[in-house]
């Protein structure tokens, strides 16, 4: 295990990001991590040695702020080896309920911030001919649930982006994995991490029931964030890490069911698919 690697983790003041940062520090890695408030991140991480941990106050909607954070990380540690795009939040509601601002805000953090950070670290990764990018999507980015259309669309975007990115940078010695977790026992289902459409329209009973179901799951999720943090460390040490990785038994079963449905639909409509070819 190469503990000389330098990690950069976004959205690290709570949840999976914080679990990963603590695990990395305890394992002897050098870590830079971002949050909207660096002091909040420092307090959450606890006592640390500034030689191994660099908390950064970053606005992930700002290209300038991200570039400055990446520059500070390289200046502080001399390099970056692993980028983890963890920052993100859930947004629920019917498509017609969500305002353009609510939609824009969700894409800004869940998708465009991922693009910005990758664009910022890529020159360093290309120069050193190595690097790992771990993008956190969600099982919702493959098998979405009722009431989470906009969240699913952002996570589908991260999945597709990562899949192609992995192919594009392979020849440069850079590895990309998109992680699709199920439900992990973090603050993700709490009010601080979930946003719902302010404009609620009568009639969407299935959506309200779905949101209520997820609210009752808080604190009982199957996923252990400490174990997930170790999986991330193992990914960065893997010679040939997977491009797609579903984490949690719930994610596995949802993905399996989605594949079954897709296969059935594909075969049942095969004649229609072939009918559009030139004869």
Protein backbone atom coordinates (compact mmCIF):
# COMPACT_ATOMS: atom_id res chain seq x y z
CA UNK A 1 0.00 0.00 0.00
CA UNK A 2 1.54 3.27 -1.16
CA UNK A 3 0.76 5.68 1.66
CA UNK A 4 2.85 8.37 -0.01
CA UNK A 5 -0.07 9.04 -2.35
CA UNK A 6 -1.82 12.39 -2.11
CA UNK A 7 -5.62 12.39 -2.13
CA UNK A 8 -8.00 15.25 -2.93
CA UNK A 9 -11.56 14.66 -1.68
CA UNK A 10 -14.48 17.02 -2.33
CA UNK A 11 -17.45 17.49 0.00
CA UNK A 12 -15.62 16.06 2.99
CA UNK A 13 -17.16 17.76 6.02
CA UNK A 14 -19.67 14.96 6.61
CA UNK A 15 -20.94 11.63 5.33
CA UNK A 16 -18.91 9.38 3.09
CA UNK A 17 -16.36 12.10 2.40
CA UNK A 18 -15.58 12.60 6.08
CA UNK A 19 -15.35 8.85 6.70
CA UNK A 20 -12.89 8.57 3.83
CA UNK A 21 -10.76 11.49 5.02
CA UNK A 22 -10.49 10.09 8.55
CA UNK A 23 -9.61 6.63 7.23
CA UNK A 24 -6.96 8.06 4.91
CA UNK A 25 -5.35 10.15 7.68
CA UNK A 26 -5.37 7.16 10.05
CA UNK A 27 -3.75 5.05 7.33
CA UNK A 28 -0.93 7.55 6.84
CA UNK A 29 -1.92 9.16 3.54
CA UNK A 30 -1.58 12.84 2.68
CA UNK A 31 -5.03 14.35 2.21
CA UNK A 32 -6.46 17.60 0.92
CA UNK A 33 -10.22 17.94 1.28
CA UNK A 34 -12.81 20.54 0.40
CA UNK A 35 -15.81 22.01 2.11
CA UNK A 36 -17.79 25.22 1.85
CA UNK A 37 -16.24 26.16 5.22
CA UNK A 38 -12.70 24.98 5.96
CA UNK A 39 -13.15 25.38 9.71
CA UNK A 40 -16.19 23.12 9.67
CA UNK A 41 -14.10 20.52 7.89
CA UNK A 42 -11.16 20.92 10.28
CA UNK A 43 -13.48 20.56 13.29
CA UNK A 44 -15.15 17.48 11.81
CA UNK A 45 -11.81 15.81 11.06
CA UNK A 46 -10.60 16.40 14.62
CA UNK A 47 -6.96 16.73 15.65
CA UNK A 48 -4.65 16.48 12.68
CA UNK A 49 -1.11 17.18 11.56
CA UNK A 50 -1.02 19.93 8.92
CA UNK A 51 1.81 17.99 7.27
CA UNK A 52 -0.68 15.29 6.28
CA UNK A 53 -4.05 17.11 6.12
CA UNK A 54 -5.00 20.26 4.24
CA UNK A 55 -8.60 21.48 4.71
CA UNK A 56 -9.68 23.74 1.87
CA UNK A 57 -12.58 26.20 1.65
CA UNK A 58 -13.88 25.79 -1.89
CA UNK A 59 -16.87 26.95 -3.91
CA UNK A 60 -17.43 24.02 -6.26
CA UNK A 61 -19.56 26.17 -8.55
CA UNK A 62 -16.50 28.33 -9.26
CA UNK A 63 -13.79 27.24 -11.69
CA UNK A 64 -11.43 29.80 -10.13
CA UNK A 65 -12.02 28.47 -6.60
CA UNK A 66 -11.42 24.87 -7.71
CA UNK A 67 -8.24 25.76 -9.61
CA UNK A 68 -6.92 27.59 -6.57
CA UNK A 69 -7.65 24.57 -4.36
CA UNK A 70 -5.87 22.21 -6.72
CA UNK A 71 -2.93 24.61 -6.92
CA UNK A 72 -2.74 24.85 -3.11
CA UNK A 73 -2.79 21.05 -2.83
CA UNK A 74 0.10 20.65 -5.27
CA UNK A 75 2.03 23.49 -3.59
CA UNK A 76 1.49 21.90 -0.17
CA UNK A 77 2.13 18.24 -0.97
CA UNK A 78 3.98 18.41 -4.29
CA UNK A 79 1.43 16.41 -6.28
CA UNK A 80 -2.03 14.83 -6.45
CA UNK A 81 -2.47 11.11 -7.04
CA UNK A 82 -6.16 10.47 -6.37
CA UNK A 83 -9.19 12.69 -6.93
CA UNK A 84 -12.47 11.70 -5.27
CA UNK A 85 -15.53 13.61 -6.43
CA UNK A 86 -17.80 13.06 -3.46
CA UNK A 87 -19.69 16.37 -3.14
CA UNK A 88 -23.36 16.19 -4.03
CA UNK A 89 -26.88 16.20 -2.65
CA UNK A 90 -30.27 14.63 -3.28
CA UNK A 91 -33.12 16.54 -4.84
CA UNK A 92 -36.68 15.23 -4.95
CA UNK A 93 -39.87 16.22 -6.72
CA UNK A 94 -41.79 15.80 -9.93
CA UNK A 95 -40.16 17.36 -12.98
CA UNK A 96 -42.88 19.99 -13.32
CA UNK A 97 -42.59 20.92 -9.64
CA UNK A 98 -38.91 21.84 -9.79
CA UNK A 99 -37.91 25.40 -10.61
CA UNK A 100 -35.19 26.20 -13.11
CA UNK A 101 -33.02 27.47 -10.25
CA UNK A 102 -33.46 24.24 -8.27
CA UNK A 103 -32.51 22.24 -11.36
CA UNK A 104 -29.51 24.45 -12.14
CA UNK A 105 -28.23 24.27 -8.56
CA UNK A 106 -28.39 20.47 -8.51
CA UNK A 107 -26.53 20.13 -11.81
CA UNK A 108 -23.95 22.71 -10.70
CA UNK A 109 -22.87 20.58 -7.73
CA UNK A 110 -23.71 17.04 -8.82
CA UNK A 111 -22.40 17.26 -12.39
CA UNK A 112 -20.57 20.44 -13.36
CA UNK A 113 -18.41 20.42 -10.21
CA UNK A 114 -17.26 16.92 -11.16
CA UNK A 115 -16.31 18.18 -14.61
CA UNK A 116 -14.53 21.24 -13.20
CA UNK A 117 -12.40 19.26 -10.75
CA UNK A 118 -11.41 16.70 -13.37
CA UNK A 119 -10.45 19.47 -15.79
CA UNK A 120 -8.36 21.08 -13.07
CA UNK A 121 -6.38 17.96 -12.05
CA UNK A 122 -5.92 16.47 -15.52
CA UNK A 123 -2.87 18.60 -16.49
CA UNK A 124 -1.07 17.28 -13.39
CA UNK A 125 -2.15 13.69 -14.04
CA UNK A 126 -1.06 13.91 -17.68
CA UNK A 127 2.34 15.31 -16.71
CA UNK A 128 3.01 12.51 -14.21
CA UNK A 129 1.39 9.87 -16.48
CA UNK A 130 -0.63 8.50 -13.59
CA UNK A 131 -3.61 9.23 -11.39
CA UNK A 132 -6.89 7.81 -10.15
CA UNK A 133 -10.26 9.51 -10.45
CA UNK A 134 -13.11 8.14 -8.34
CA UNK A 135 -16.47 9.71 -9.10
CA UNK A 136 -19.36 8.97 -6.79
CA UNK A 137 -22.59 8.48 -8.68
CA UNK A 138 -25.45 6.48 -7.15
CA UNK A 139 -27.51 3.39 -7.81
CA UNK A 140 -30.03 6.06 -8.86
CA UNK A 141 -27.69 6.69 -11.79
CA UNK A 142 -28.65 3.29 -13.18
CA UNK A 143 -31.82 2.14 -11.44
CA UNK A 144 -33.73 5.25 -10.42
CA UNK A 145 -36.60 5.49 -7.93
CA UNK A 146 -39.96 7.26 -8.08
CA UNK A 147 -39.80 10.93 -7.14
CA UNK A 148 -36.10 11.47 -7.80
CA UNK A 149 -36.03 12.22 -11.54
CA UNK A 150 -33.71 15.22 -11.34
CA UNK A 151 -31.33 13.56 -8.89
CA UNK A 152 -31.25 10.48 -11.12
CA UNK A 153 -30.53 12.61 -14.18
CA UNK A 154 -27.47 14.15 -12.49
CA UNK A 155 -26.19 10.75 -11.43
CA UNK A 156 -26.83 9.22 -14.86
CA UNK A 157 -24.74 12.09 -16.20
CA UNK A 158 -21.87 11.31 -13.81
CA UNK A 159 -22.02 7.63 -14.77
CA UNK A 160 -21.91 8.30 -18.50
CA UNK A 161 -19.25 10.97 -18.12
CA UNK A 162 -17.04 8.62 -16.11
CA UNK A 163 -17.45 5.67 -18.46
CA UNK A 164 -16.23 7.68 -21.45
CA UNK A 165 -13.58 9.51 -19.42
CA UNK A 166 -12.13 6.13 -18.43
CA UNK A 167 -11.68 5.24 -22.10
CA UNK A 168 -10.33 8.66 -23.05
CA UNK A 169 -7.55 8.77 -20.44
CA UNK A 170 -6.56 5.10 -20.38
CA UNK A 171 -3.66 5.63 -22.79
CA UNK A 172 -2.34 8.38 -20.50
CA UNK A 173 -1.92 6.00 -17.56
CA UNK A 174 -4.93 7.45 -15.71
CA UNK A 175 -7.70 5.31 -14.22
CA UNK A 176 -11.33 6.27 -13.68
CA UNK A 177 -13.94 4.47 -11.58
CA UNK A 178 -17.53 5.53 -11.10
CA UNK A 179 -18.97 4.25 -7.84
CA UNK A 180 -22.71 3.66 -7.51
CA UNK A 181 -23.53 3.25 -3.81
CA UNK A 182 -26.82 2.13 -2.42
CA UNK A 183 -28.02 3.49 0.93
CA UNK A 184 -25.21 4.09 3.42
CA UNK A 185 -25.68 5.11 7.04
CA UNK A 186 -24.65 8.76 6.73
CA UNK A 187 -26.41 12.14 6.89
CA UNK A 188 -27.52 11.82 3.24
CA UNK A 189 -31.20 11.29 4.16
CA UNK A 190 -31.22 14.17 6.63
CA UNK A 191 -32.60 17.62 5.87
CA UNK A 192 -29.08 19.05 5.49
CA UNK A 193 -28.40 16.79 2.50
CA UNK A 194 -31.79 16.59 0.82
CA UNK A 195 -33.68 19.25 -1.12
CA UNK A 196 -37.31 19.00 -2.20
CA UNK A 197 -39.19 21.09 -4.71
CA UNK A 198 -40.67 24.12 -2.99
CA UNK A 199 -43.62 24.06 -5.37
CA UNK A 200 -45.66 20.95 -4.57
CA UNK A 201 -48.50 20.00 -6.92
CA UNK A 202 -51.48 17.94 -5.78
CA UNK A 203 -51.92 14.51 -7.34
CA UNK A 204 -48.38 13.13 -7.08
CA UNK A 205 -49.25 10.61 -4.40
CA UNK A 206 -46.68 8.02 -5.47
CA UNK A 207 -43.90 10.60 -5.23
CA UNK A 208 -44.95 11.71 -1.74
CA UNK A 209 -45.09 8.06 -0.65
CA UNK A 210 -41.62 7.44 -2.06
CA UNK A 211 -40.18 10.45 -0.24
CA UNK A 212 -41.82 9.30 2.97
CA UNK A 213 -40.34 5.83 2.55
CA UNK A 214 -36.81 7.22 2.17
CA UNK A 215 -37.27 9.43 5.24
CA UNK A 216 -38.05 6.38 7.38
CA UNK A 217 -34.83 4.68 6.21
CA UNK A 218 -32.58 7.25 7.89
CA UNK A 219 -30.37 5.56 10.47
CA UNK A 220 -31.19 2.04 9.28
CA UNK A 221 -29.35 1.99 5.94
CA UNK A 222 -27.47 -1.23 5.19
CA UNK A 223 -24.24 0.42 4.03
CA UNK A 224 -21.31 0.90 6.39
CA UNK A 225 -19.36 4.09 5.44
CA UNK A 226 -16.18 2.83 7.14
CA UNK A 227 -16.12 -0.23 4.91
CA UNK A 228 -16.82 1.93 1.85
CA UNK A 229 -13.83 4.13 2.73
CA UNK A 230 -11.59 1.06 2.72
CA UNK A 231 -12.94 0.03 -0.69
CA UNK A 232 -11.92 3.45 -2.05
CA UNK A 233 -8.39 3.01 -0.71
CA UNK A 234 -8.21 -0.44 -2.28
CA UNK A 235 -9.44 0.98 -5.61
CA UNK A 236 -6.56 3.45 -5.72
CA UNK A 237 -4.10 0.61 -5.10
CA UNK A 238 -5.65 -1.71 -7.70
CA UNK A 239 -3.62 -2.24 -10.87
CA UNK A 240 -6.78 -2.56 -12.97
CA UNK A 241 -9.72 -1.04 -11.07
CA UNK A 242 -13.25 -1.52 -12.45
CA UNK A 243 -14.80 1.33 -14.41
CA UNK A 244 -18.18 0.73 -12.75
CA UNK A 245 -18.59 -0.44 -9.16
CA UNK A 246 -21.89 -0.95 -7.35
CA UNK A 247 -21.52 -0.81 -3.58
CA UNK A 248 -23.95 -2.28 -1.10
CA UNK A 249 -26.12 -5.36 -1.48
CA UNK A 250 -29.13 -3.09 -2.14
CA UNK A 251 -27.29 -1.47 -5.05
CA UNK A 252 -26.37 -4.90 -6.40
CA UNK A 253 -29.95 -6.17 -6.31
CA UNK A 254 -31.40 -2.99 -7.82
CA UNK A 255 -28.84 -3.13 -10.62
CA UNK A 256 -29.56 -6.84 -11.19
CA UNK A 257 -33.29 -6.18 -11.49
CA UNK A 258 -32.71 -3.25 -13.85
CA UNK A 259 -30.53 -5.44 -16.08
CA UNK A 260 -33.27 -8.08 -16.15
CA UNK A 261 -35.90 -5.52 -17.19
CA UNK A 262 -33.59 -4.02 -19.82
CA UNK A 263 -32.83 -7.45 -21.28
CA UNK A 264 -36.53 -8.31 -21.50
CA UNK A 265 -37.39 -5.00 -23.14
CA UNK A 266 -34.50 -5.29 -25.58
CA UNK A 267 -35.48 -8.78 -26.72
CA UNK A 268 -39.23 -8.14 -26.84
CA UNK A 269 -38.66 -5.15 -29.13
CA UNK A 270 -35.89 -6.71 -31.20
CA UNK A 271 -37.99 -6.86 -34.39
CA UNK A 272 -38.84 -3.17 -34.10
CA UNK A 273 -35.17 -2.31 -33.50
CA UNK A 274 -34.09 -4.20 -36.63
CA UNK A 275 -36.97 -2.84 -38.71
CA UNK A 276 -35.35 0.59 -39.07
CA UNK A 277 -32.27 -0.71 -40.94
CA UNK A 278 -31.85 -0.34 -44.69
CA UNK A 279 -32.79 -3.63 -46.35
